[in-house]
């Protein structure tokens, strides 16, 4: 796709580099620019380069799906990798999930709140939560640093099979937002369960 008259650039924070300036192992937001330079568009995907000769990328997530309320810079790729690790250690299988921040108060530190739908639940939910926390700390050094100061361990709510599918149908959605930097989605997901019970 490099020979179609599109100029590719990659953004890491505020730093924008051309294709020849990328480094392996770093996550970039992908930008496309017209060949005449009149417009630039951020397509919303984040990618990680696994090779630069030849160029090979791996999809890492979406630019709008992240949590960075406390400086933890958690992206979907981090959450997916941590879940995979926690599942492999506990025998669980996750079907869907969404995560949002729990804001700090005068009495407690902040945290991440997870709503998880399992295909196969872990035999020991506490062990799963611990394994998830350990994996998140391992795959994201910023999250690890904040866990030592600002963040408590994540809070996990489990929902029954098919819950997210019913929520998506009721809300006219086709995908579960994985990470949100505010509480709008998670509040709606949790409220949906209360509505169904009423």
N, C-alpha and C. Protein backbone atom coordinates (compact mmCIF):
# COMPACT_ATOMS: atom_id res chain seq x y z
N UNK A 1 0.82 -1.20 0.00
CA UNK A 1 0.00 0.00 0.00
C UNK A 1 0.86 1.26 0.00
N UNK A 2 2.16 1.11 -0.08
CA UNK A 2 3.02 2.28 -0.04
C UNK A 2 3.15 2.99 -1.39
N UNK A 3 2.67 2.39 -2.46
CA UNK A 3 2.86 2.99 -3.78
C UNK A 3 1.56 3.53 -4.38
N UNK A 4 0.62 3.96 -3.54
CA UNK A 4 -0.66 4.47 -4.04
C UNK A 4 -0.76 5.99 -3.97
N UNK A 5 0.36 6.69 -3.85
CA UNK A 5 0.31 8.14 -3.81
C UNK A 5 -0.12 8.69 -2.47
N UNK A 6 -0.02 7.90 -1.42
CA UNK A 6 -0.35 8.35 -0.08
C UNK A 6 0.93 8.43 0.73
N UNK A 7 1.10 9.53 1.44
CA UNK A 7 2.28 9.71 2.29
C UNK A 7 1.89 9.33 3.71
N UNK A 8 2.59 8.37 4.28
CA UNK A 8 2.28 7.89 5.62
C UNK A 8 3.18 8.57 6.64
N UNK A 9 2.56 8.95 7.76
CA UNK A 9 3.29 9.49 8.89
C UNK A 9 2.76 8.81 10.14
N UNK A 10 3.54 8.89 11.20
CA UNK A 10 3.19 8.18 12.42
C UNK A 10 3.43 9.10 13.61
N UNK A 11 2.42 9.17 14.50
CA UNK A 11 2.47 10.06 15.65
C UNK A 11 2.65 9.26 16.93
N UNK A 12 3.64 9.68 17.71
CA UNK A 12 3.85 9.13 19.05
C UNK A 12 3.82 10.33 19.99
N UNK A 13 2.72 10.50 20.72
CA UNK A 13 2.54 11.72 21.50
C UNK A 13 2.41 12.90 20.55
N UNK A 14 3.25 13.91 20.74
CA UNK A 14 3.25 15.08 19.84
C UNK A 14 4.30 14.98 18.76
N UNK A 15 5.07 13.91 18.75
CA UNK A 15 6.15 13.73 17.78
C UNK A 15 5.62 12.98 16.55
N UNK A 16 5.76 13.58 15.38
CA UNK A 16 5.31 12.96 14.13
C UNK A 16 6.53 12.63 13.29
N UNK A 17 6.61 11.37 12.85
CA UNK A 17 7.76 10.93 12.05
C UNK A 17 7.27 10.31 10.74
N UNK A 18 8.07 10.44 9.67
CA UNK A 18 7.73 9.75 8.43
C UNK A 18 8.03 8.26 8.58
N UNK A 19 7.63 7.48 7.59
CA UNK A 19 7.82 6.04 7.65
C UNK A 19 9.26 5.65 7.95
N UNK A 20 10.21 6.32 7.31
CA UNK A 20 11.61 5.94 7.53
C UNK A 20 12.12 6.30 8.92
N UNK A 21 11.33 7.03 9.72
CA UNK A 21 11.75 7.40 11.08
C UNK A 21 11.17 6.54 12.18
N UNK A 22 10.36 5.53 11.83
CA UNK A 22 9.74 4.70 12.86
C UNK A 22 10.74 3.73 13.46
N UNK A 23 10.43 3.27 14.68
CA UNK A 23 11.27 2.30 15.37
C UNK A 23 10.43 1.09 15.76
N UNK A 24 11.03 -0.06 15.74
CA UNK A 24 10.33 -1.29 16.14
C UNK A 24 9.98 -1.22 17.62
N UNK A 25 8.83 -1.82 17.95
CA UNK A 25 8.42 -1.92 19.33
C UNK A 25 7.73 -0.70 19.90
N UNK A 26 7.56 0.35 19.11
CA UNK A 26 6.88 1.55 19.58
C UNK A 26 5.48 1.59 18.97
N UNK A 27 4.53 2.15 19.72
CA UNK A 27 3.14 2.25 19.25
C UNK A 27 2.92 3.66 18.71
N UNK A 28 2.40 3.73 17.49
CA UNK A 28 2.16 5.00 16.81
C UNK A 28 0.70 5.09 16.36
N UNK A 29 0.17 6.33 16.36
CA UNK A 29 -1.09 6.61 15.68
C UNK A 29 -0.75 6.83 14.21
N UNK A 30 -1.56 6.26 13.34
CA UNK A 30 -1.26 6.31 11.90
C UNK A 30 -1.92 7.52 11.25
N UNK A 31 -1.14 8.27 10.46
CA UNK A 31 -1.63 9.43 9.72
C UNK A 31 -1.43 9.19 8.24
N UNK A 32 -2.38 9.65 7.43
CA UNK A 32 -2.18 9.61 5.98
C UNK A 32 -2.27 11.04 5.46
N UNK A 33 -1.41 11.35 4.51
CA UNK A 33 -1.36 12.69 3.92
C UNK A 33 -1.43 12.54 2.41
N UNK A 34 -2.18 13.44 1.79
CA UNK A 34 -2.26 13.39 0.32
C UNK A 34 -0.89 13.68 -0.26
N UNK A 35 -0.66 13.17 -1.45
CA UNK A 35 0.66 13.30 -2.07
C UNK A 35 1.05 14.76 -2.30
N UNK A 36 0.04 15.64 -2.48
CA UNK A 36 0.34 17.07 -2.67
C UNK A 36 0.46 17.81 -1.35
N UNK A 37 0.21 17.12 -0.23
CA UNK A 37 0.37 17.72 1.09
C UNK A 37 -0.75 18.64 1.52
N UNK A 38 -1.87 18.64 0.81
CA UNK A 38 -2.96 19.56 1.15
C UNK A 38 -3.76 19.13 2.37
N UNK A 39 -3.79 17.85 2.66
CA UNK A 39 -4.53 17.42 3.84
C UNK A 39 -3.83 16.25 4.52
N UNK A 40 -4.08 16.15 5.82
CA UNK A 40 -3.55 15.06 6.65
C UNK A 40 -4.72 14.55 7.48
N UNK A 41 -4.79 13.24 7.65
CA UNK A 41 -5.90 12.63 8.36
C UNK A 41 -5.38 11.55 9.30
N UNK A 42 -5.80 11.62 10.56
CA UNK A 42 -5.47 10.56 11.52
C UNK A 42 -6.60 9.54 11.46
N UNK A 43 -6.28 8.32 11.03
CA UNK A 43 -7.33 7.34 10.75
C UNK A 43 -7.92 6.71 12.00
N UNK A 44 -7.28 6.87 13.16
CA UNK A 44 -7.84 6.35 14.40
C UNK A 44 -7.25 5.04 14.85
N UNK A 45 -6.37 4.45 14.06
CA UNK A 45 -5.73 3.19 14.45
C UNK A 45 -4.36 3.45 15.04
N UNK A 46 -3.97 2.60 15.97
CA UNK A 46 -2.59 2.61 16.45
C UNK A 46 -1.93 1.32 16.00
N UNK A 47 -0.66 1.43 15.63
CA UNK A 47 0.08 0.28 15.12
C UNK A 47 1.43 0.20 15.81
N UNK A 48 1.97 -1.00 15.83
CA UNK A 48 3.32 -1.22 16.34
C UNK A 48 4.12 -1.84 15.21
N UNK A 49 5.29 -1.31 14.94
CA UNK A 49 6.16 -1.88 13.91
C UNK A 49 6.90 -3.07 14.49
N UNK A 50 6.78 -4.20 13.81
CA UNK A 50 7.50 -5.40 14.22
C UNK A 50 8.76 -5.59 13.39
N UNK A 51 8.85 -4.87 12.27
CA UNK A 51 10.03 -4.92 11.39
C UNK A 51 10.07 -3.64 10.56
N UNK A 52 11.28 -3.19 10.25
CA UNK A 52 11.41 -2.03 9.37
C UNK A 52 12.09 -2.39 8.05
N UNK A 53 12.49 -3.63 7.90
CA UNK A 53 13.11 -4.07 6.63
C UNK A 53 12.72 -5.52 6.38
N UNK A 54 11.61 -5.79 5.77
CA UNK A 54 10.61 -4.87 5.24
C UNK A 54 9.72 -4.32 6.36
N UNK A 55 8.96 -3.27 6.05
CA UNK A 55 8.05 -2.70 7.04
C UNK A 55 6.92 -3.68 7.32
N UNK A 56 6.76 -3.99 8.60
CA UNK A 56 5.65 -4.85 9.03
C UNK A 56 5.03 -4.23 10.27
N UNK A 57 3.70 -4.19 10.28
CA UNK A 57 3.01 -3.60 11.42
C UNK A 57 2.05 -4.60 12.04
N UNK A 58 1.74 -4.34 13.29
CA UNK A 58 0.74 -5.10 14.03
C UNK A 58 -0.26 -4.09 14.57
N UNK A 59 -1.54 -4.35 14.39
CA UNK A 59 -2.58 -3.47 14.91
C UNK A 59 -2.48 -3.46 16.43
N UNK A 60 -2.45 -2.27 17.04
CA UNK A 60 -2.29 -2.17 18.49
C UNK A 60 -3.51 -1.59 19.18
N UNK A 61 -4.45 -1.00 18.45
CA UNK A 61 -5.64 -0.46 19.09
C UNK A 61 -6.18 0.75 18.35
N UNK A 62 -6.96 1.52 19.06
CA UNK A 62 -7.59 2.72 18.51
C UNK A 62 -7.11 3.93 19.30
N UNK A 63 -7.03 5.07 18.63
CA UNK A 63 -6.55 6.28 19.30
C UNK A 63 -7.52 6.79 20.35
N UNK A 64 -8.79 6.49 20.22
CA UNK A 64 -9.78 6.98 21.17
C UNK A 64 -10.03 6.00 22.30
N UNK A 65 -9.46 4.84 22.25
CA UNK A 65 -9.69 3.86 23.30
C UNK A 65 -8.42 3.70 24.12
N UNK A 66 -8.35 4.46 25.19
CA UNK A 66 -7.21 4.44 26.10
C UNK A 66 -7.68 4.98 27.45
N UNK A 67 -6.88 4.77 28.47
CA UNK A 67 -7.12 5.40 29.77
C UNK A 67 -5.82 6.06 30.19
N UNK A 68 -5.91 7.36 30.46
CA UNK A 68 -4.74 8.10 30.92
C UNK A 68 -5.15 9.17 31.92
N UNK A 69 -6.03 8.82 32.84
CA UNK A 69 -6.51 9.77 33.83
C UNK A 69 -5.43 10.05 34.88
N UNK A 70 -4.63 9.05 35.19
CA UNK A 70 -3.63 9.16 36.25
C UNK A 70 -2.20 9.15 35.72
N UNK A 71 -2.03 9.19 34.39
CA UNK A 71 -0.70 9.11 33.79
C UNK A 71 -0.28 7.69 33.47
N UNK A 72 -1.23 6.75 33.50
CA UNK A 72 -0.91 5.34 33.30
C UNK A 72 -0.82 4.94 31.83
N UNK A 73 -1.37 5.72 30.93
CA UNK A 73 -1.27 5.49 29.49
C UNK A 73 -1.59 4.05 29.07
N UNK A 74 -2.72 3.55 29.55
CA UNK A 74 -3.15 2.18 29.22
C UNK A 74 -3.84 2.18 27.86
N UNK A 75 -3.39 1.31 26.96
CA UNK A 75 -3.99 1.17 25.64
C UNK A 75 -4.59 -0.23 25.51
N UNK A 76 -5.41 -0.40 24.49
CA UNK A 76 -6.10 -1.68 24.29
C UNK A 76 -5.12 -2.84 24.18
N UNK A 77 -4.02 -2.63 23.48
CA UNK A 77 -3.02 -3.69 23.33
C UNK A 77 -2.51 -4.16 24.70
N UNK A 78 -2.27 -3.23 25.62
CA UNK A 78 -1.84 -3.60 26.97
C UNK A 78 -2.89 -4.46 27.66
N UNK A 79 -4.15 -4.00 27.59
CA UNK A 79 -5.24 -4.72 28.25
C UNK A 79 -5.43 -6.10 27.65
N UNK A 80 -5.39 -6.20 26.32
CA UNK A 80 -5.56 -7.50 25.65
C UNK A 80 -4.45 -8.47 26.05
N UNK A 81 -3.21 -7.98 26.05
CA UNK A 81 -2.09 -8.85 26.40
C UNK A 81 -2.17 -9.29 27.86
N UNK A 82 -2.55 -8.37 28.75
CA UNK A 82 -2.67 -8.72 30.17
C UNK A 82 -3.79 -9.73 30.39
N UNK A 83 -4.92 -9.54 29.70
CA UNK A 83 -6.03 -10.49 29.82
C UNK A 83 -5.62 -11.88 29.33
N UNK A 84 -4.93 -11.92 28.22
CA UNK A 84 -4.47 -13.20 27.67
C UNK A 84 -3.57 -13.92 28.68
N UNK A 85 -2.68 -13.17 29.30
CA UNK A 85 -1.78 -13.74 30.30
C UNK A 85 -2.55 -14.24 31.52
N UNK A 86 -3.48 -13.42 32.03
CA UNK A 86 -4.27 -13.82 33.19
C UNK A 86 -5.13 -15.04 32.88
N UNK A 87 -5.68 -15.09 31.68
CA UNK A 87 -6.50 -16.24 31.28
C UNK A 87 -5.65 -17.51 31.19
N UNK A 88 -4.45 -17.39 30.64
CA UNK A 88 -3.60 -18.58 30.51
C UNK A 88 -3.18 -19.11 31.88
N UNK A 89 -3.09 -18.24 32.88
CA UNK A 89 -2.69 -18.68 34.22
C UNK A 89 -3.85 -19.22 35.04
N UNK A 90 -5.08 -18.89 34.65
CA UNK A 90 -6.22 -19.29 35.47
C UNK A 90 -7.23 -20.17 34.74
N UNK A 91 -7.01 -20.44 33.47
CA UNK A 91 -7.93 -21.27 32.71
C UNK A 91 -9.19 -20.55 32.27
N UNK A 92 -9.24 -19.25 32.46
CA UNK A 92 -10.42 -18.47 32.07
C UNK A 92 -10.38 -18.15 30.58
N UNK A 93 -11.55 -17.84 30.03
CA UNK A 93 -11.66 -17.36 28.65
C UNK A 93 -12.58 -16.15 28.68
N UNK A 94 -12.09 -15.01 28.21
CA UNK A 94 -12.87 -13.77 28.21
C UNK A 94 -13.53 -13.59 26.85
N UNK A 95 -14.84 -13.31 26.87
CA UNK A 95 -15.58 -13.05 25.63
C UNK A 95 -15.54 -11.56 25.30
N UNK A 96 -15.85 -10.72 26.26
CA UNK A 96 -15.91 -9.26 26.05
C UNK A 96 -15.51 -8.56 27.34
N UNK A 97 -15.10 -7.31 27.21
CA UNK A 97 -14.80 -6.51 28.39
C UNK A 97 -14.83 -5.03 28.04
N UNK A 98 -15.00 -4.21 29.06
CA UNK A 98 -14.83 -2.77 28.93
C UNK A 98 -14.22 -2.27 30.23
N UNK A 99 -13.46 -1.18 30.13
CA UNK A 99 -12.73 -0.65 31.29
C UNK A 99 -12.87 0.87 31.32
N UNK A 100 -12.98 1.41 32.52
CA UNK A 100 -13.04 2.86 32.71
C UNK A 100 -12.34 3.22 34.01
N UNK A 101 -11.97 4.48 34.17
CA UNK A 101 -11.33 4.89 35.42
C UNK A 101 -12.35 5.08 36.54
N UNK A 102 -11.92 4.84 37.76
CA UNK A 102 -12.64 5.26 38.97
C UNK A 102 -11.82 6.42 39.52
N UNK A 103 -12.42 7.55 39.62
CA UNK A 103 -11.67 8.75 40.00
C UNK A 103 -11.33 8.75 41.48
N UNK A 104 -10.25 9.45 41.82
CA UNK A 104 -9.83 9.58 43.21
C UNK A 104 -10.84 10.41 43.99
N UNK A 105 -10.88 10.16 45.28
CA UNK A 105 -11.68 10.99 46.17
C UNK A 105 -10.79 11.37 47.35
N UNK A 106 -11.33 12.07 48.30
CA UNK A 106 -10.55 12.42 49.49
C UNK A 106 -10.21 11.18 50.31
N UNK A 107 -11.02 10.12 50.16
CA UNK A 107 -10.83 8.92 50.98
C UNK A 107 -10.11 7.78 50.29
N UNK A 108 -10.12 7.76 48.97
CA UNK A 108 -9.50 6.61 48.29
C UNK A 108 -8.78 7.01 47.02
N UNK A 109 -7.83 6.14 46.68
CA UNK A 109 -7.06 6.34 45.45
C UNK A 109 -7.92 5.96 44.26
N UNK A 110 -7.43 6.30 43.08
CA UNK A 110 -8.13 5.93 41.85
C UNK A 110 -7.93 4.46 41.54
N UNK A 111 -8.66 3.99 40.54
CA UNK A 111 -8.55 2.58 40.11
C UNK A 111 -9.13 2.48 38.71
N UNK A 112 -9.01 1.30 38.14
CA UNK A 112 -9.70 0.99 36.89
C UNK A 112 -10.82 0.02 37.22
N UNK A 113 -11.97 0.26 36.63
CA UNK A 113 -13.13 -0.60 36.84
C UNK A 113 -13.36 -1.39 35.56
N UNK A 114 -13.40 -2.70 35.69
CA UNK A 114 -13.58 -3.60 34.56
C UNK A 114 -14.96 -4.26 34.64
N UNK A 115 -15.61 -4.40 33.51
CA UNK A 115 -16.79 -5.26 33.38
C UNK A 115 -16.38 -6.34 32.39
N UNK A 116 -16.43 -7.60 32.86
CA UNK A 116 -15.90 -8.71 32.07
C UNK A 116 -16.99 -9.77 31.88
N UNK A 117 -17.14 -10.21 30.64
CA UNK A 117 -18.01 -11.35 30.32
C UNK A 117 -17.10 -12.51 29.96
N UNK A 118 -17.21 -13.59 30.72
CA UNK A 118 -16.38 -14.76 30.48
C UNK A 118 -17.11 -15.78 29.63
N UNK A 119 -16.38 -16.44 28.74
CA UNK A 119 -16.88 -17.66 28.11
C UNK A 119 -16.67 -18.82 29.07
N UNK A 120 -15.54 -18.77 29.77
CA UNK A 120 -15.26 -19.74 30.82
C UNK A 120 -14.69 -18.96 32.01
N UNK A 121 -15.41 -18.98 33.11
CA UNK A 121 -14.99 -18.22 34.29
C UNK A 121 -13.80 -18.87 34.96
N UNK A 122 -12.96 -18.07 35.61
CA UNK A 122 -11.84 -18.66 36.35
C UNK A 122 -12.37 -19.38 37.58
N UNK A 123 -11.70 -20.46 37.96
CA UNK A 123 -12.11 -21.19 39.17
C UNK A 123 -11.95 -20.30 40.40
N UNK A 124 -10.95 -19.44 40.39
CA UNK A 124 -10.67 -18.55 41.51
C UNK A 124 -10.63 -17.10 41.00
N UNK A 125 -11.73 -16.36 41.13
CA UNK A 125 -11.77 -14.98 40.62
C UNK A 125 -10.70 -14.07 41.23
N UNK A 126 -10.37 -14.29 42.49
CA UNK A 126 -9.33 -13.47 43.14
C UNK A 126 -7.97 -13.72 42.51
N UNK A 127 -7.68 -14.96 42.19
CA UNK A 127 -6.42 -15.29 41.51
C UNK A 127 -6.38 -14.64 40.12
N UNK A 128 -7.51 -14.66 39.42
CA UNK A 128 -7.59 -14.01 38.11
C UNK A 128 -7.30 -12.52 38.24
N UNK A 129 -7.93 -11.85 39.22
CA UNK A 129 -7.72 -10.42 39.42
C UNK A 129 -6.25 -10.11 39.72
N UNK A 130 -5.63 -10.94 40.55
CA UNK A 130 -4.21 -10.75 40.86
C UNK A 130 -3.33 -10.96 39.64
N UNK A 131 -3.64 -11.99 38.85
CA UNK A 131 -2.86 -12.27 37.64
C UNK A 131 -3.02 -11.14 36.62
N UNK A 132 -4.22 -10.60 36.52
CA UNK A 132 -4.47 -9.48 35.60
C UNK A 132 -3.67 -8.26 36.02
N UNK A 133 -3.69 -7.96 37.31
CA UNK A 133 -2.94 -6.81 37.82
C UNK A 133 -1.44 -6.97 37.58
N UNK A 134 -0.92 -8.15 37.88
CA UNK A 134 0.51 -8.42 37.66
C UNK A 134 0.87 -8.26 36.18
N UNK A 135 0.02 -8.78 35.31
CA UNK A 135 0.29 -8.70 33.87
C UNK A 135 0.23 -7.26 33.37
N UNK A 136 -0.75 -6.49 33.85
CA UNK A 136 -0.83 -5.08 33.46
C UNK A 136 0.43 -4.33 33.88
N UNK A 137 0.91 -4.63 35.07
CA UNK A 137 2.13 -3.97 35.56
C UNK A 137 3.35 -4.36 34.73
N UNK A 138 3.35 -5.58 34.26
CA UNK A 138 4.48 -6.07 33.47
C UNK A 138 4.50 -5.48 32.05
N UNK A 139 3.32 -5.35 31.43
CA UNK A 139 3.27 -4.88 30.04
C UNK A 139 3.26 -3.35 29.91
N UNK A 140 3.01 -2.65 31.02
CA UNK A 140 2.93 -1.19 30.96
C UNK A 140 3.63 -0.58 32.17
N UNK A 141 4.83 -0.06 31.95
CA UNK A 141 5.63 0.49 33.05
C UNK A 141 4.98 1.72 33.68
N UNK A 142 4.22 2.50 32.89
CA UNK A 142 3.53 3.66 33.46
C UNK A 142 2.43 3.21 34.42
N UNK A 143 1.70 2.17 34.04
CA UNK A 143 0.68 1.62 34.92
C UNK A 143 1.33 1.11 36.21
N UNK A 144 2.44 0.41 36.08
CA UNK A 144 3.16 -0.11 37.24
C UNK A 144 3.57 1.03 38.18
N UNK A 145 4.10 2.11 37.63
CA UNK A 145 4.52 3.25 38.45
C UNK A 145 3.33 3.86 39.19
N UNK A 146 2.20 3.98 38.52
CA UNK A 146 1.01 4.56 39.15
C UNK A 146 0.40 3.61 40.18
N UNK A 147 0.56 2.31 39.98
CA UNK A 147 0.06 1.34 40.97
C UNK A 147 0.80 1.47 42.30
N UNK A 148 2.03 1.96 42.24
CA UNK A 148 2.79 2.15 43.47
C UNK A 148 2.42 3.45 44.19
N UNK A 149 1.67 4.32 43.51
CA UNK A 149 1.35 5.62 44.12
C UNK A 149 -0.14 5.94 44.08
N UNK A 150 -0.69 6.13 42.91
CA UNK A 150 -2.03 6.71 42.73
C UNK A 150 -3.14 5.69 42.56
N UNK A 151 -2.83 4.54 41.97
CA UNK A 151 -3.86 3.57 41.59
C UNK A 151 -3.94 2.38 42.53
N UNK A 152 -5.16 2.00 42.88
CA UNK A 152 -5.40 0.73 43.55
C UNK A 152 -5.51 -0.36 42.48
N UNK A 153 -5.54 -1.61 42.93
CA UNK A 153 -5.76 -2.70 41.98
C UNK A 153 -7.14 -2.56 41.35
N UNK A 154 -7.28 -3.07 40.15
CA UNK A 154 -8.53 -2.92 39.40
C UNK A 154 -9.71 -3.56 40.14
N UNK A 155 -10.89 -3.04 39.86
CA UNK A 155 -12.14 -3.60 40.39
C UNK A 155 -12.83 -4.31 39.23
N UNK A 156 -13.26 -5.53 39.46
CA UNK A 156 -13.82 -6.33 38.36
C UNK A 156 -15.27 -6.71 38.67
N UNK A 157 -16.15 -6.42 37.73
CA UNK A 157 -17.54 -6.89 37.77
C UNK A 157 -17.66 -7.96 36.69
N UNK A 158 -18.28 -9.07 37.01
CA UNK A 158 -18.52 -10.08 35.97
C UNK A 158 -20.00 -10.04 35.60
N UNK A 159 -20.25 -10.29 34.33
CA UNK A 159 -21.62 -10.34 33.82
C UNK A 159 -21.81 -11.68 33.11
N UNK A 160 -23.06 -12.10 32.98
CA UNK A 160 -23.37 -13.38 32.37
C UNK A 160 -23.12 -13.41 30.87
N UNK A 161 -23.10 -14.62 30.35
CA UNK A 161 -22.86 -14.80 28.91
C UNK A 161 -23.97 -14.11 28.10
N UNK A 162 -23.56 -13.45 27.04
CA UNK A 162 -24.50 -12.75 26.17
C UNK A 162 -24.86 -11.35 26.62
N UNK A 163 -24.35 -10.93 27.79
CA UNK A 163 -24.69 -9.62 28.34
C UNK A 163 -24.31 -8.49 27.39
N UNK A 164 -23.07 -8.50 26.91
CA UNK A 164 -22.62 -7.41 26.03
C UNK A 164 -23.35 -7.43 24.69
N UNK A 165 -23.69 -8.60 24.19
CA UNK A 165 -24.46 -8.68 22.95
C UNK A 165 -25.83 -8.03 23.13
N UNK A 166 -26.49 -8.32 24.26
CA UNK A 166 -27.79 -7.70 24.54
C UNK A 166 -27.64 -6.18 24.70
N UNK A 167 -26.58 -5.75 25.38
CA UNK A 167 -26.32 -4.31 25.56
C UNK A 167 -26.11 -3.64 24.20
N UNK A 168 -25.29 -4.27 23.34
CA UNK A 168 -25.03 -3.67 22.02
C UNK A 168 -26.31 -3.58 21.20
N UNK A 169 -27.11 -4.63 21.21
CA UNK A 169 -28.37 -4.60 20.45
C UNK A 169 -29.29 -3.50 20.95
N UNK A 170 -29.39 -3.37 22.27
CA UNK A 170 -30.26 -2.36 22.86
C UNK A 170 -29.77 -0.94 22.57
N UNK A 171 -28.48 -0.78 22.39
CA UNK A 171 -27.90 0.55 22.17
C UNK A 171 -27.56 0.82 20.71
N UNK A 172 -27.81 -0.15 19.83
CA UNK A 172 -27.51 0.04 18.41
C UNK A 172 -26.02 0.08 18.12
N UNK A 173 -25.26 -0.67 18.87
CA UNK A 173 -23.80 -0.70 18.69
C UNK A 173 -23.38 -2.03 18.08
N UNK A 174 -22.19 -2.03 17.46
CA UNK A 174 -21.65 -3.25 16.87
C UNK A 174 -20.37 -3.72 17.52
N UNK A 175 -19.75 -2.86 18.32
CA UNK A 175 -18.50 -3.22 19.00
C UNK A 175 -18.55 -2.73 20.43
N UNK A 176 -17.91 -3.47 21.31
CA UNK A 176 -17.79 -3.06 22.70
C UNK A 176 -16.58 -2.14 22.82
N UNK A 177 -16.77 -0.90 23.27
CA UNK A 177 -15.61 -0.04 23.51
C UNK A 177 -14.76 -0.64 24.63
N UNK A 178 -13.51 -0.91 24.36
CA UNK A 178 -12.64 -1.58 25.33
C UNK A 178 -12.21 -0.66 26.47
N UNK A 179 -11.60 0.46 26.13
CA UNK A 179 -11.09 1.39 27.14
C UNK A 179 -11.65 2.77 26.85
N UNK A 180 -12.14 3.42 27.89
CA UNK A 180 -12.62 4.79 27.74
C UNK A 180 -12.00 5.63 28.84
N UNK A 181 -11.67 6.86 28.51
CA UNK A 181 -11.01 7.75 29.46
C UNK A 181 -12.01 8.47 30.35
N UNK A 182 -13.28 8.13 30.23
CA UNK A 182 -14.33 8.66 31.10
C UNK A 182 -15.26 7.51 31.46
N UNK A 183 -16.33 7.79 32.19
CA UNK A 183 -17.19 6.72 32.72
C UNK A 183 -18.51 6.57 31.97
N UNK A 184 -18.71 7.27 30.87
CA UNK A 184 -20.01 7.22 30.19
C UNK A 184 -20.39 5.81 29.77
N UNK A 185 -19.50 5.10 29.10
CA UNK A 185 -19.82 3.76 28.59
C UNK A 185 -20.02 2.78 29.74
N UNK A 186 -19.10 2.76 30.69
CA UNK A 186 -19.21 1.77 31.76
C UNK A 186 -20.46 2.01 32.61
N UNK A 187 -20.81 3.27 32.84
CA UNK A 187 -22.03 3.56 33.60
C UNK A 187 -23.25 3.04 32.84
N UNK A 188 -23.25 3.19 31.52
CA UNK A 188 -24.36 2.68 30.72
C UNK A 188 -24.41 1.16 30.73
N UNK A 189 -23.23 0.52 30.65
CA UNK A 189 -23.17 -0.95 30.68
C UNK A 189 -23.71 -1.46 32.02
N UNK A 190 -23.30 -0.84 33.12
CA UNK A 190 -23.77 -1.27 34.45
C UNK A 190 -25.25 -0.96 34.64
N UNK A 191 -25.71 0.20 34.15
CA UNK A 191 -27.12 0.56 34.26
C UNK A 191 -28.00 -0.38 33.46
N UNK A 192 -27.49 -0.88 32.34
CA UNK A 192 -28.25 -1.81 31.51
C UNK A 192 -28.61 -3.06 32.31
N UNK A 193 -27.70 -3.54 33.12
CA UNK A 193 -27.98 -4.71 33.96
C UNK A 193 -29.05 -4.42 34.99
N UNK A 194 -29.01 -3.22 35.56
CA UNK A 194 -30.02 -2.84 36.55
C UNK A 194 -31.38 -2.69 35.88
N UNK A 195 -31.40 -2.15 34.64
CA UNK A 195 -32.66 -2.02 33.88
C UNK A 195 -33.26 -3.39 33.61
N UNK A 196 -32.42 -4.35 33.24
CA UNK A 196 -32.90 -5.69 32.91
C UNK A 196 -33.48 -6.39 34.14
N UNK A 197 -32.92 -6.08 35.32
CA UNK A 197 -33.41 -6.70 36.55
C UNK A 197 -34.73 -6.10 37.01
N UNK A 198 -34.99 -4.84 36.64
CA UNK A 198 -36.19 -4.13 37.12
C UNK A 198 -37.45 -4.63 36.46
